[in-house]
Amino acid sequence: MTKPLPFDPFTMWKTFYEQTEANWTSAIHETLKKESFSEGMGETLNYYLQAQELKNDTTESFLKSVNMPTRSEVADIASLIINVESKLDTLDDRFDEEMNQLIKAVSNLDEKLDKILELLSN
């Protein structure tokens, strides 16, 4: 039989980890429950949104000054292209329907002409 070690570093590390994790979890939960934390997060979010808006405005101004399309202009063009593609698909479908009807009409006309020619040749 093996004799247990008088000092097991892995057990000590596991115990230390579990206690530390429990203490940090408790501290974080208490912090998250405070109204001041929520207010601070709200202010941080507002600052971030203001910075994002400033960056977007600055980028758009720069792109316009160097005669490059902005994101909204590219999106508008993409929307127009999608609309054109949709209309082309509709026209293509209508063209196919019209062509099929024309083929049927020509076929019927061909059959009638064949009958007329047959009657005339008799």
PDB file of N, CA and C in Angstrom:
ATOM      1  N   MET A   1       0.811  -1.190   0.000  1.00  0.00           N
ATOM      2  CA  MET A   1       0.000   0.000   0.000  1.00  0.00           C
ATOM      3  C   MET A   1       0.850   1.248   0.000  1.00  0.00           C
ATOM      4  N   THR A   2       0.300   2.238  -0.675  1.00  0.00           N
ATOM      5  CA  THR A   2       1.049   3.485  -0.699  1.00  0.00           C
ATOM      6  C   THR A   2       0.632   4.346   0.478  1.00  0.00           C
ATOM      7  N   LYS A   3       1.585   4.999   0.988  1.00  0.00           N
ATOM      8  CA  LYS A   3       1.360   5.866   2.135  1.00  0.00           C
ATOM      9  C   LYS A   3       1.050   7.267   1.628  1.00  0.00           C
ATOM     10  N   PRO A   4      -0.018   7.927   2.130  1.00  0.00           N
ATOM     11  CA  PRO A   4      -0.319   9.277   1.649  1.00  0.00           C
ATOM     12  C   PRO A   4       0.804  10.246   2.009  1.00  0.00           C
ATOM     13  N   LEU A   5       0.994  11.199   1.112  1.00  0.00           N
ATOM     14  CA  LEU A   5       2.021  12.202   1.353  1.00  0.00           C
ATOM     15  C   LEU A   5       1.611  13.102   2.515  1.00  0.00           C
ATOM     16  N   PRO A   6       2.554  13.536   3.292  1.00  0.00           N
ATOM     17  CA  PRO A   6       2.203  14.425   4.393  1.00  0.00           C
ATOM     18  C   PRO A   6       1.734  15.796   3.885  1.00  0.00           C
ATOM     19  N   PHE A   7       2.192  16.177   2.706  1.00  0.00           N
ATOM     20  CA  PHE A   7       1.805  17.476   2.143  1.00  0.00           C
ATOM     21  C   PHE A   7       1.463  17.265   0.664  1.00  0.00           C
ATOM     22  N   ASP A   8       0.185  17.502   0.317  1.00  0.00           N
ATOM     23  CA  ASP A   8      -0.265  17.322  -1.075  1.00  0.00           C
ATOM     24  C   ASP A   8      -0.493  18.696  -1.696  1.00  0.00           C
ATOM     25  N   PRO A   9       0.378  19.147  -2.614  1.00  0.00           N
ATOM     26  CA  PRO A   9       0.242  20.485  -3.188  1.00  0.00           C
ATOM     27  C   PRO A   9      -1.004  20.625  -4.073  1.00  0.00           C
ATOM     28  N   PHE A  10      -1.433  19.545  -4.711  1.00  0.00           N
ATOM     29  CA  PHE A  10      -2.613  19.629  -5.580  1.00  0.00           C
ATOM     30  C   PHE A  10      -3.886  19.852  -4.771  1.00  0.00           C
ATOM     31  N   THR A  11      -4.003  19.187  -3.650  1.00  0.00           N
ATOM     32  CA  THR A  11      -5.167  19.392  -2.781  1.00  0.00           C
ATOM     33  C   THR A  11      -5.170  20.813  -2.234  1.00  0.00           C
ATOM     34  N   MET A  12      -3.994  21.293  -1.838  1.00  0.00           N
ATOM     35  CA  MET A  12      -3.897  22.649  -1.319  1.00  0.00           C
ATOM     36  C   MET A  12      -4.280  23.656  -2.426  1.00  0.00           C
ATOM     37  N   TRP A  13      -3.805  23.447  -3.670  1.00  0.00           N
ATOM     38  CA  TRP A  13      -4.120  24.347  -4.777  1.00  0.00           C
ATOM     39  C   TRP A  13      -5.612  24.321  -5.076  1.00  0.00           C
ATOM     40  N   LYS A  14      -6.226  23.136  -5.073  1.00  0.00           N
ATOM     41  CA  LYS A  14      -7.661  23.018  -5.354  1.00  0.00           C
ATOM     42  C   LYS A  14      -8.468  23.737  -4.278  1.00  0.00           C
ATOM     43  N   THR A  15      -8.129  23.553  -3.040  1.00  0.00           N
ATOM     44  CA  THR A  15      -8.830  24.223  -1.942  1.00  0.00           C
ATOM     45  C   THR A  15      -8.678  25.736  -2.059  1.00  0.00           C
ATOM     46  N   PHE A  16      -7.467  26.195  -2.322  1.00  0.00           N
ATOM     47  CA  PHE A  16      -7.214  27.628  -2.496  1.00  0.00           C
ATOM     48  C   PHE A  16      -8.044  28.177  -3.653  1.00  0.00           C
ATOM     49  N   TYR A  17      -8.073  27.460  -4.772  1.00  0.00           N
ATOM     50  CA  TYR A  17      -8.840  27.891  -5.943  1.00  0.00           C
ATOM     51  C   TYR A  17     -10.324  27.988  -5.623  1.00  0.00           C
ATOM     52  N   GLU A  18     -10.878  26.980  -4.983  1.00  0.00           N
ATOM     53  CA  GLU A  18     -12.311  26.963  -4.677  1.00  0.00           C
ATOM     54  C   GLU A  18     -12.690  28.100  -3.733  1.00  0.00           C
ATOM     55  N   GLN A  19     -11.863  28.349  -2.717  1.00  0.00           N
ATOM     56  CA  GLN A  19     -12.149  29.433  -1.776  1.00  0.00           C
ATOM     57  C   GLN A  19     -12.040  30.796  -2.468  1.00  0.00           C
ATOM     58  N   THR A  20     -11.022  30.979  -3.283  1.00  0.00           N
ATOM     59  CA  THR A  20     -10.838  32.242  -3.989  1.00  0.00           C
ATOM     60  C   THR A  20     -11.991  32.494  -4.957  1.00  0.00           C
ATOM     61  N   GLU A  21     -12.380  31.455  -5.680  1.00  0.00           N
ATOM     62  CA  GLU A  21     -13.472  31.583  -6.646  1.00  0.00           C
ATOM     63  C   GLU A  21     -14.782  31.927  -5.940  1.00  0.00           C
ATOM     64  N   ALA A  22     -15.043  31.321  -4.810  1.00  0.00           N
ATOM     65  CA  ALA A  22     -16.265  31.602  -4.057  1.00  0.00           C
ATOM     66  C   ALA A  22     -16.263  33.048  -3.554  1.00  0.00           C
ATOM     67  N   ASN A  23     -15.129  33.513  -3.059  1.00  0.00           N
ATOM     68  CA  ASN A  23     -15.037  34.892  -2.561  1.00  0.00           C
ATOM     69  C   ASN A  23     -15.230  35.903  -3.697  1.00  0.00           C
ATOM     70  N   TRP A  24     -14.581  35.659  -4.830  1.00  0.00           N
ATOM     71  CA  TRP A  24     -14.723  36.574  -5.963  1.00  0.00           C
ATOM     72  C   TRP A  24     -16.153  36.569  -6.507  1.00  0.00           C
ATOM     73  N   THR A  25     -16.764  35.404  -6.578  1.00  0.00           N
ATOM     74  CA  THR A  25     -18.148  35.320  -7.054  1.00  0.00           C
ATOM     75  C   THR A  25     -19.068  36.120  -6.152  1.00  0.00           C
ATOM     76  N   SER A  26     -18.890  35.986  -4.863  1.00  0.00           N
ATOM     77  CA  SER A  26     -19.708  36.722  -3.905  1.00  0.00           C
ATOM     78  C   SER A  26     -19.498  38.236  -4.060  1.00  0.00           C
ATOM     79  N   ALA A  27     -18.252  38.650  -4.193  1.00  0.00           N
ATOM     80  CA  ALA A  27     -17.950  40.081  -4.331  1.00  0.00           C
ATOM     81  C   ALA A  27     -18.534  40.634  -5.638  1.00  0.00           C
ATOM     82  N   ILE A  28     -18.432  39.892  -6.707  1.00  0.00           N
ATOM     83  CA  ILE A  28     -18.960  40.358  -7.992  1.00  0.00           C
ATOM     84  C   ILE A  28     -20.481  40.460  -7.941  1.00  0.00           C
ATOM     85  N   HIS A  29     -21.128  39.473  -7.363  1.00  0.00           N
ATOM     86  CA  HIS A  29     -22.592  39.524  -7.248  1.00  0.00           C
ATOM     87  C   HIS A  29     -23.042  40.721  -6.416  1.00  0.00           C
ATOM     88  N   GLU A  30     -22.357  41.004  -5.355  1.00  0.00           N
ATOM     89  CA  GLU A  30     -22.704  42.161  -4.521  1.00  0.00           C
ATOM     90  C   GLU A  30     -22.508  43.468  -5.297  1.00  0.00           C
ATOM     91  N   THR A  31     -21.439  43.554  -6.052  1.00  0.00           N
ATOM     92  CA  THR A  31     -21.177  44.759  -6.840  1.00  0.00           C
ATOM     93  C   THR A  31     -22.246  44.954  -7.910  1.00  0.00           C
ATOM     94  N   LEU A  32     -22.629  43.860  -8.579  1.00  0.00           N
ATOM     95  CA  LEU A  32     -23.625  43.950  -9.645  1.00  0.00           C
ATOM     96  C   LEU A  32     -24.999  44.357  -9.116  1.00  0.00           C
ATOM     97  N   LYS A  33     -25.282  44.093  -7.868  1.00  0.00           N
ATOM     98  CA  LYS A  33     -26.589  44.426  -7.279  1.00  0.00           C
ATOM     99  C   LYS A  33     -26.705  45.915  -6.936  1.00  0.00           C
ATOM    100  N   LYS A  34     -25.600  46.624  -6.861  1.00  0.00           N
ATOM    101  CA  LYS A  34     -25.618  48.023  -6.415  1.00  0.00           C
ATOM    102  C   LYS A  34     -26.136  48.941  -7.515  1.00  0.00           C
ATOM    103  N   GLU A  35     -26.902  49.948  -7.106  1.00  0.00           N
ATOM    104  CA  GLU A  35     -27.447  50.945  -8.032  1.00  0.00           C
ATOM    105  C   GLU A  35     -26.323  51.769  -8.663  1.00  0.00           C
ATOM    106  N   SER A  36     -25.294  52.058  -7.883  1.00  0.00           N
ATOM    107  CA  SER A  36     -24.188  52.868  -8.394  1.00  0.00           C
ATOM    108  C   SER A  36     -23.483  52.157  -9.557  1.00  0.00           C
ATOM    109  N   PHE A  37     -23.401  50.841  -9.507  1.00  0.00           N
ATOM    110  CA  PHE A  37     -22.790  50.087 -10.609  1.00  0.00           C
ATOM    111  C   PHE A  37     -23.611  50.248 -11.879  1.00  0.00           C
ATOM    112  N   SER A  38     -24.931  50.144 -11.737  1.00  0.00           N
ATOM    113  CA  SER A  38     -25.813  50.306 -12.901  1.00  0.00           C
ATOM    114  C   SER A  38     -25.699  51.709 -13.481  1.00  0.00           C
ATOM    115  N   GLU A  39     -25.650  52.703 -12.626  1.00  0.00           N
ATOM    116  CA  GLU A  39     -25.504  54.086 -13.097  1.00  0.00           C
ATOM    117  C   GLU A  39     -24.178  54.270 -13.836  1.00  0.00           C
ATOM    118  N   GLY A  40     -23.136  53.705 -13.281  1.00  0.00           N
ATOM    119  CA  GLY A  40     -21.822  53.807 -13.924  1.00  0.00           C
ATOM    120  C   GLY A  40     -21.802  53.117 -15.280  1.00  0.00           C
ATOM    121  N   MET A  41     -22.428  51.962 -15.366  1.00  0.00           N
ATOM    122  CA  MET A  41     -22.495  51.253 -16.646  1.00  0.00           C
ATOM    123  C   MET A  41     -23.317  52.051 -17.653  1.00  0.00           C
ATOM    124  N   GLY A  42     -24.398  52.687 -17.189  1.00  0.00           N
ATOM    125  CA  GLY A  42     -25.210  53.515 -18.069  1.00  0.00           C
ATOM    126  C   GLY A  42     -24.420  54.692 -18.618  1.00  0.00           C
ATOM    127  N   GLU A  43     -23.650  55.347 -17.758  1.00  0.00           N
ATOM    128  CA  GLU A  43     -22.819  56.467 -18.202  1.00  0.00           C
ATOM    129  C   GLU A  43     -21.749  56.003 -19.183  1.00  0.00           C
ATOM    130  N   THR A  44     -21.148  54.859 -18.895  1.00  0.00           N
ATOM    131  CA  THR A  44     -20.133  54.316 -19.798  1.00  0.00           C
ATOM    132  C   THR A  44     -20.738  54.023 -21.162  1.00  0.00           C
ATOM    133  N   LEU A  45     -21.925  53.455 -21.177  1.00  0.00           N
ATOM    134  CA  LEU A  45     -22.610  53.157 -22.437  1.00  0.00           C
ATOM    135  C   LEU A  45     -22.913  54.443 -23.199  1.00  0.00           C
ATOM    136  N   ASN A  46     -23.370  55.479 -22.498  1.00  0.00           N
ATOM    137  CA  ASN A  46     -23.646  56.762 -23.148  1.00  0.00           C
ATOM    138  C   ASN A  46     -22.380  57.355 -23.773  1.00  0.00           C
ATOM    139  N   TYR A  47     -21.261  57.307 -23.041  1.00  0.00           N
ATOM    140  CA  TYR A  47     -20.001  57.817 -23.582  1.00  0.00           C
ATOM    141  C   TYR A  47     -19.574  57.021 -24.809  1.00  0.00           C
ATOM    142  N   TYR A  48     -19.749  55.722 -24.738  1.00  0.00           N
ATOM    143  CA  TYR A  48     -19.388  54.872 -25.872  1.00  0.00           C
ATOM    144  C   TYR A  48     -20.240  55.221 -27.095  1.00  0.00           C
ATOM    145  N   LEU A  49     -21.542  55.382 -26.889  1.00  0.00           N
ATOM    146  CA  LEU A  49     -22.427  55.708 -28.007  1.00  0.00           C
ATOM    147  C   LEU A  49     -22.099  57.075 -28.606  1.00  0.00           C
ATOM    148  N   GLN A  50     -21.766  58.043 -27.758  1.00  0.00           N
ATOM    149  CA  GLN A  50     -21.370  59.356 -28.255  1.00  0.00           C
ATOM    150  C   GLN A  50     -20.076  59.262 -29.063  1.00  0.00           C
ATOM    151  N   ALA A  51     -19.119  58.481 -28.576  1.00  0.00           N
ATOM    152  CA  ALA A  51     -17.859  58.311 -29.295  1.00  0.00           C
ATOM    153  C   ALA A  51     -18.100  57.605 -30.627  1.00  0.00           C
ATOM    154  N   GLN A  52     -18.986  56.617 -30.631  1.00  0.00           N
ATOM    155  CA  GLN A  52     -19.315  55.889 -31.865  1.00  0.00           C
ATOM    156  C   GLN A  52     -19.959  56.833 -32.880  1.00  0.00           C
ATOM    157  N   GLU A  53     -20.878  57.668 -32.422  1.00  0.00           N
ATOM    158  CA  GLU A  53     -21.544  58.622 -33.310  1.00  0.00           C
ATOM    159  C   GLU A  53     -20.539  59.622 -33.878  1.00  0.00           C
ATOM    160  N   LEU A  54     -19.637  60.112 -33.038  1.00  0.00           N
ATOM    161  CA  LEU A  54     -18.606  61.044 -33.490  1.00  0.00           C
ATOM    162  C   LEU A  54     -17.705  60.387 -34.533  1.00  0.00           C
ATOM    163  N   LYS A  55     -17.323  59.141 -34.288  1.00  0.00           N
ATOM    164  CA  LYS A  55     -16.475  58.416 -35.241  1.00  0.00           C
ATOM    165  C   LYS A  55     -17.200  58.239 -36.569  1.00  0.00           C
ATOM    166  N   ASN A  56     -18.485  57.848 -36.523  1.00  0.00           N
ATOM    167  CA  ASN A  56     -19.256  57.669 -37.757  1.00  0.00           C
ATOM    168  C   ASN A  56     -19.383  58.981 -38.537  1.00  0.00           C
ATOM    169  N   ASP A  57     -19.680  60.067 -37.821  1.00  0.00           N
ATOM    170  CA  ASP A  57     -19.807  61.372 -38.490  1.00  0.00           C
ATOM    171  C   ASP A  57     -18.486  61.805 -39.113  1.00  0.00           C
ATOM    172  N   THR A  58     -17.398  61.616 -38.378  1.00  0.00           N
ATOM    173  CA  THR A  58     -16.081  61.994 -38.877  1.00  0.00           C
ATOM    174  C   THR A  58     -15.707  61.162 -40.103  1.00  0.00           C
ATOM    175  N   THR A  59     -15.977  59.866 -40.031  1.00  0.00           N
ATOM    176  CA  THR A  59     -15.670  58.983 -41.166  1.00  0.00           C
ATOM    177  C   THR A  59     -16.480  59.377 -42.387  1.00  0.00           C
ATOM    178  N   GLU A  60     -17.764  59.663 -42.188  1.00  0.00           N
ATOM    179  CA  GLU A  60     -18.615  60.054 -43.313  1.00  0.00           C
ATOM    180  C   GLU A  60     -18.140  61.373 -43.926  1.00  0.00           C
ATOM    181  N   SER A  61     -17.784  62.324 -43.094  1.00  0.00           N
ATOM    182  CA  SER A  61     -17.272  63.607 -43.600  1.00  0.00           C
ATOM    183  C   SER A  61     -15.983  63.403 -44.395  1.00  0.00           C
ATOM    184  N   PHE A  62     -15.099  62.566 -43.868  1.00  0.00           N
ATOM    185  CA  PHE A  62     -13.842  62.308 -44.567  1.00  0.00           C
ATOM    186  C   PHE A  62     -14.100  61.648 -45.919  1.00  0.00           C
ATOM    187  N   LEU A  63     -14.960  60.627 -45.934  1.00  0.00           N
ATOM    188  CA  LEU A  63     -15.242  59.927 -47.191  1.00  0.00           C
ATOM    189  C   LEU A  63     -15.851  60.870 -48.231  1.00  0.00           C
ATOM    190  N   LYS A  64     -16.738  61.756 -47.782  1.00  0.00           N
ATOM    191  CA  LYS A  64     -17.322  62.724 -48.721  1.00  0.00           C
ATOM    192  C   LYS A  64     -16.260  63.692 -49.241  1.00  0.00           C
ATOM    193  N   SER A  65     -15.328  64.076 -48.383  1.00  0.00           N
ATOM    194  CA  SER A  65     -14.303  65.036 -48.807  1.00  0.00           C
ATOM    195  C   SER A  65     -13.329  64.433 -49.814  1.00  0.00           C
ATOM    196  N   VAL A  66     -13.139  63.119 -49.777  1.00  0.00           N
ATOM    197  CA  VAL A  66     -12.238  62.475 -50.746  1.00  0.00           C
ATOM    198  C   VAL A  66     -13.026  61.801 -51.863  1.00  0.00           C
ATOM    199  N   ASN A  67     -14.311  62.165 -51.975  1.00  0.00           N
ATOM    200  CA  ASN A  67     -15.181  61.694 -53.053  1.00  0.00           C
ATOM    201  C   ASN A  67     -15.288  60.167 -53.089  1.00  0.00           C
ATOM    202  N   MET A  68     -15.499  59.594 -51.914  1.00  0.00           N
ATOM    203  CA  MET A  68     -15.699  58.141 -51.796  1.00  0.00           C
ATOM    204  C   MET A  68     -17.114  57.905 -51.262  1.00  0.00           C
ATOM    205  N   PRO A  69     -17.721  56.781 -51.628  1.00  0.00           N
ATOM    206  CA  PRO A  69     -19.082  56.519 -51.142  1.00  0.00           C
ATOM    207  C   PRO A  69     -19.088  56.161 -49.654  1.00  0.00           C
ATOM    208  N   THR A  70     -20.140  56.606 -48.976  1.00  0.00           N
ATOM    209  CA  THR A  70     -20.299  56.275 -47.564  1.00  0.00           C
ATOM    210  C   THR A  70     -21.045  54.959 -47.444  1.00  0.00           C
ATOM    211  N   ARG A  71     -21.125  54.449 -46.235  1.00  0.00           N
ATOM    212  CA  ARG A  71     -21.820  53.185 -45.985  1.00  0.00           C
ATOM    213  C   ARG A  71     -23.285  53.277 -46.402  1.00  0.00           C
ATOM    214  N   SER A  72     -23.921  54.388 -46.085  1.00  0.00           N
ATOM    215  CA  SER A  72     -25.339  54.532 -46.428  1.00  0.00           C
ATOM    216  C   SER A  72     -25.532  54.604 -47.937  1.00  0.00           C
ATOM    217  N   GLU A  73     -24.599  55.249 -48.642  1.00  0.00           N
ATOM    218  CA  GLU A  73     -24.704  55.317 -50.102  1.00  0.00           C
ATOM    219  C   GLU A  73     -24.513  53.940 -50.733  1.00  0.00           C
ATOM    220  N   VAL A  74     -23.580  53.162 -50.217  1.00  0.00           N
ATOM    221  CA  VAL A  74     -23.382  51.805 -50.718  1.00  0.00           C
ATOM    222  C   VAL A  74     -24.617  50.954 -50.430  1.00  0.00           C
ATOM    223  N   ALA A  75     -25.200  51.124 -49.245  1.00  0.00           N
ATOM    224  CA  ALA A  75     -26.409  50.380 -48.897  1.00  0.00           C
ATOM    225  C   ALA A  75     -27.572  50.768 -49.810  1.00  0.00           C
ATOM    226  N   ASP A  76     -27.677  52.059 -50.139  1.00  0.00           N
ATOM    227  CA  ASP A  76     -28.729  52.512 -51.052  1.00  0.00           C
ATOM    228  C   ASP A  76     -28.555  51.887 -52.439  1.00  0.00           C
ATOM    229  N   ILE A  77     -27.320  51.847 -52.909  1.00  0.00           N
ATOM    230  CA  ILE A  77     -27.053  51.247 -54.217  1.00  0.00           C
ATOM    231  C   ILE A  77     -27.367  49.755 -54.186  1.00  0.00           C
ATOM    232  N   ALA A  78     -27.002  49.098 -53.116  1.00  0.00           N
ATOM    233  CA  ALA A  78     -27.310  47.664 -52.989  1.00  0.00           C
ATOM    234  C   ALA A  78     -28.817  47.443 -53.015  1.00  0.00           C
ATOM    235  N   SER A  79     -29.558  48.298 -52.348  1.00  0.00           N
ATOM    236  CA  SER A  79     -31.017  48.191 -52.349  1.00  0.00           C
ATOM    237  C   SER A  79     -31.573  48.381 -53.758  1.00  0.00           C
ATOM    238  N   LEU A  80     -31.044  49.359 -54.472  1.00  0.00           N
ATOM    239  CA  LEU A  80     -31.494  49.584 -55.848  1.00  0.00           C
ATOM    240  C   LEU A  80     -31.179  48.386 -56.734  1.00  0.00           C
ATOM    241  N   ILE A  81     -30.011  47.806 -56.567  1.00  0.00           N
ATOM    242  CA  ILE A  81     -29.631  46.631 -57.359  1.00  0.00           C
ATOM    243  C   ILE A  81     -30.564  45.465 -57.064  1.00  0.00           C
ATOM    244  N   ILE A  82     -30.902  45.277 -55.798  1.00  0.00           N
ATOM    245  CA  ILE A  82     -31.823  44.194 -55.429  1.00  0.00           C
ATOM    246  C   ILE A  82     -33.190  44.424 -56.077  1.00  0.00           C
ATOM    247  N   ASN A  83     -33.640  45.671 -56.078  1.00  0.00           N
ATOM    248  CA  ASN A  83     -34.924  45.985 -56.718  1.00  0.00           C
ATOM    249  C   ASN A  83     -34.872  45.705 -58.220  1.00  0.00           C
ATOM    250  N   VAL A  84     -33.774  46.075 -58.863  1.00  0.00           N
ATOM    251  CA  VAL A  84     -33.632  45.824 -60.298  1.00  0.00           C
ATOM    252  C   VAL A  84     -33.614  44.320 -60.573  1.00  0.00           C
ATOM    253  N   GLU A  85     -32.888  43.573 -59.749  1.00  0.00           N
ATOM    254  CA  GLU A  85     -32.857  42.117 -59.918  1.00  0.00           C
ATOM    255  C   GLU A  85     -34.247  41.519 -59.774  1.00  0.00           C
ATOM    256  N   SER A  86     -34.994  41.995 -58.818  1.00  0.00           N
ATOM    257  CA  SER A  86     -36.355  41.508 -58.616  1.00  0.00           C
ATOM    258  C   SER A  86     -37.224  41.795 -59.836  1.00  0.00           C
ATOM    259  N   LYS A  87     -37.113  43.008 -60.360  1.00  0.00           N
ATOM    260  CA  LYS A  87     -37.894  43.362 -61.544  1.00  0.00           C
ATOM    261  C   LYS A  87     -37.460  42.533 -62.751  1.00  0.00           C
ATOM    262  N   LEU A  88     -36.164  42.294 -62.897  1.00  0.00           N
ATOM    263  CA  LEU A  88     -35.685  41.455 -63.992  1.00  0.00           C
ATOM    264  C   LEU A  88     -36.214  40.025 -63.877  1.00  0.00           C
ATOM    265  N   ASP A  89     -36.248  39.501 -62.647  1.00  0.00           N
ATOM    266  CA  ASP A  89     -36.802  38.161 -62.447  1.00  0.00           C
ATOM    267  C   ASP A  89     -38.270  38.121 -62.848  1.00  0.00           C
ATOM    268  N   THR A  90     -39.013  39.159 -62.483  1.00  0.00           N
ATOM    269  CA  THR A  90     -40.428  39.231 -62.849  1.00  0.00           C
ATOM    270  C   THR A  90     -40.589  39.300 -64.362  1.00  0.00           C
ATOM    271  N   LEU A  91     -39.785  40.149 -65.000  1.00  0.00           N
ATOM    272  CA  LEU A  91     -39.846  40.261 -66.463  1.00  0.00           C
ATOM    273  C   LEU A  91     -39.447  38.946 -67.137  1.00  0.00           C
ATOM    274  N   ASP A  92     -38.457  38.281 -66.592  1.00  0.00           N
ATOM    275  CA  ASP A  92     -38.023  36.998 -67.139  1.00  0.00           C
ATOM    276  C   ASP A  92     -39.145  35.961 -67.057  1.00  0.00           C
ATOM    277  N   ASP A  93     -39.820  35.929 -65.917  1.00  0.00           N
ATOM    278  CA  ASP A  93     -40.947  35.003 -65.756  1.00  0.00           C
ATOM    279  C   ASP A  93     -42.060  35.331 -66.746  1.00  0.00           C
ATOM    280  N   ARG A  94     -42.385  36.612 -66.866  1.00  0.00           N
ATOM    281  CA  ARG A  94     -43.430  37.020 -67.820  1.00  0.00           C
ATOM    282  C   ARG A  94     -43.028  36.700 -69.249  1.00  0.00           C
ATOM    283  N   PHE A  95     -41.751  36.918 -69.583  1.00  0.00           N
ATOM    284  CA  PHE A  95     -41.261  36.606 -70.922  1.00  0.00           C
ATOM    285  C   PHE A  95     -41.403  35.114 -71.215  1.00  0.00           C
ATOM    286  N   ASP A  96     -41.039  34.284 -70.219  1.00  0.00           N
ATOM    287  CA  ASP A  96     -41.176  32.833 -70.405  1.00  0.00           C
ATOM    288  C   ASP A  96     -42.629  32.444 -70.634  1.00  0.00           C
ATOM    289  N   GLU A  97     -43.542  33.042 -69.851  1.00  0.00           N
ATOM    290  CA  GLU A  97     -44.972  32.751 -70.036  1.00  0.00           C
ATOM    291  C   GLU A  97     -45.434  33.167 -71.430  1.00  0.00           C
ATOM    292  N   GLU A  98     -45.055  34.380 -71.837  1.00  0.00           N
ATOM    293  CA  GLU A  98     -45.454  34.874 -73.165  1.00  0.00           C
ATOM    294  C   GLU A  98     -44.864  33.998 -74.266  1.00  0.00           C
ATOM    295  N   MET A  99     -43.624  33.582 -74.115  1.00  0.00           N
ATOM    296  CA  MET A  99     -42.972  32.745 -75.119  1.00  0.00           C
ATOM    297  C   MET A  99     -43.664  31.395 -75.216  1.00  0.00           C
ATOM    298  N   ASN A 100     -44.031  30.816 -74.066  1.00  0.00           N
ATOM    299  CA  ASN A 100     -44.746  29.541 -74.078  1.00  0.00           C
ATOM    300  C   ASN A 100     -46.100  29.679 -74.782  1.00  0.00           C
ATOM    301  N   GLN A 101     -46.807  30.769 -74.515  1.00  0.00           N
ATOM    302  CA  GLN A 101     -48.086  30.993 -75.189  1.00  0.00           C
ATOM    303  C   GLN A 101     -47.878  31.175 -76.687  1.00  0.00           C
ATOM    304  N   LEU A 102     -46.827  31.887 -77.073  1.00  0.00           N
ATOM    305  CA  LEU A 102     -46.531  32.090 -78.484  1.00  0.00           C
ATOM    306  C   LEU A 102     -46.181  30.767 -79.172  1.00  0.00           C
ATOM    307  N   ILE A 103     -45.418  29.942 -78.495  1.00  0.00           N
ATOM    308  CA  ILE A 103     -45.067  28.625 -79.051  1.00  0.00           C
ATOM    309  C   ILE A 103     -46.323  27.788 -79.256  1.00  0.00           C
ATOM    310  N   LYS A 104     -47.225  27.819 -78.269  1.00  0.00           N
ATOM    311  CA  LYS A 104     -48.481  27.071 -78.403  1.00  0.00           C
ATOM    312  C   LYS A 104     -49.311  27.615 -79.559  1.00  0.00           C
ATOM    313  N   ALA A 105     -49.373  28.937 -79.697  1.00  0.00           N
ATOM    314  CA  ALA A 105     -50.159  29.546 -80.773  1.00  0.00           C
ATOM    315  C   ALA A 105     -49.570  29.197 -82.135  1.00  0.00           C
ATOM    316  N   VAL A 106     -48.252  29.238 -82.258  1.00  0.00           N
ATOM    317  CA  VAL A 106     -47.609  28.885 -83.524  1.00  0.00           C
ATOM    318  C   VAL A 106     -47.822  27.410 -83.821  1.00  0.00           C
ATOM    319  N   SER A 107     -47.751  26.588 -82.806  1.00  0.00           N
ATOM    320  CA  SER A 107     -47.985  25.152 -82.995  1.00  0.00           C
ATOM    321  C   SER A 107     -49.410  24.899 -83.481  1.00  0.00           C
ATOM    322  N   ASN A 108     -50.394  25.568 -82.846  1.00  0.00           N
ATOM    323  CA  ASN A 108     -51.789  25.422 -83.282  1.00  0.00           C
ATOM    324  C   ASN A 108     -51.960  25.934 -84.709  1.00  0.00           C
ATOM    325  N   LEU A 109     -51.341  27.045 -85.029  1.00  0.00           N
ATOM    326  CA  LEU A 109     -51.410  27.602 -86.373  1.00  0.00           C
ATOM    327  C   LEU A 109     -50.771  26.647 -87.388  1.00  0.00           C
ATOM    328  N   ASP A 110     -49.664  26.038 -87.019  1.00  0.00           N
ATOM    329  CA  ASP A 110     -48.990  25.080 -87.887  1.00  0.00           C
ATOM    330  C   ASP A 110     -49.891  23.869 -88.155  1.00  0.00           C
ATOM    331  N   GLU A 111     -50.560  23.399 -87.090  1.00  0.00           N
ATOM    332  CA  GLU A 111     -51.479  22.267 -87.252  1.00  0.00           C
ATOM    333  C   GLU A 111     -52.629  22.654 -88.189  1.00  0.00           C
ATOM    334  N   LYS A 112     -53.180  23.839 -88.054  1.00  0.00           N
ATOM    335  CA  LYS A 112     -54.278  24.290 -88.904  1.00  0.00           C
ATOM    336  C   LYS A 112     -53.817  24.431 -90.356  1.00  0.00           C
ATOM    337  N   LEU A 113     -52.608  24.966 -90.557  1.00  0.00           N
ATOM    338  CA  LEU A 113     -52.082  25.093 -91.911  1.00  0.00           C
ATOM    339  C   LEU A 113     -51.861  23.719 -92.547  1.00  0.00           C
ATOM    340  N   ASP A 114     -51.388  22.781 -91.735  1.00  0.00           N
ATOM    341  CA  ASP A 114     -51.220  21.414 -92.246  1.00  0.00           C
ATOM    342  C   ASP A 114     -52.560  20.838 -92.688  1.00  0.00           C
ATOM    343  N   LYS A 115     -53.608  21.080 -91.904  1.00  0.00           N
ATOM    344  CA  LYS A 115     -54.941  20.585 -92.257  1.00  0.00           C
ATOM    345  C   LYS A 115     -55.439  21.243 -93.544  1.00  0.00           C
ATOM    346  N   ILE A 116     -55.217  22.570 -93.663  1.00  0.00           N
ATOM    347  CA  ILE A 116     -55.633  23.277 -94.872  1.00  0.00           C
ATOM    348  C   ILE A 116     -54.912  22.752 -96.101  1.00  0.00           C
ATOM    349  N   LEU A 117     -53.608  22.552 -95.971  1.00  0.00           N
ATOM    350  CA  LEU A 117     -52.817  22.029 -97.079  1.00  0.00           C
ATOM    351  C   LEU A 117     -53.272  20.612 -97.456  1.00  0.00           C
ATOM    352  N   GLU A 118     -53.594  19.852 -96.433  1.00  0.00           N
ATOM    353  CA  GLU A 118     -54.079  18.475 -96.701  1.00  0.00           C
ATOM    354  C   GLU A 118     -55.419  18.516 -97.433  1.00  0.00           C
ATOM    355  N   LEU A 119     -56.307  19.398 -97.019  1.00  0.00           N
ATOM    356  CA  LEU A 119     -57.608  19.512 -97.683  1.00  0.00           C
ATOM    357  C   LEU A 119     -57.447  20.044 -99.116  1.00  0.00           C
ATOM    358  N   LEU A 120     -56.542  20.947 -99.315  1.00  0.00           N
ATOM    359  CA  LEU A 120     -56.319  21.498-100.649  1.00  0.00           C
ATOM    360  C   LEU A 120     -55.686  20.487-101.589  1.00  0.00           C
ATOM    361  N   SER A 121     -54.857  19.624-101.075  1.00  0.00           N
ATOM    362  CA  SER A 121     -54.186  18.650-101.922  1.00  0.00           C
ATOM    363  C   SER A 121     -55.118  17.504-102.301  1.00  0.00           C
ATOM    364  N   ASN A 122     -56.226  17.305-101.602  1.00  0.00           N
ATOM    365  CA  ASN A 122     -57.181  16.238-101.921  1.00  0.00           C
ATOM    366  C   ASN A 122     -58.075  16.687-102.993  1.00  0.00           C
TER     367      ASN A 122
END
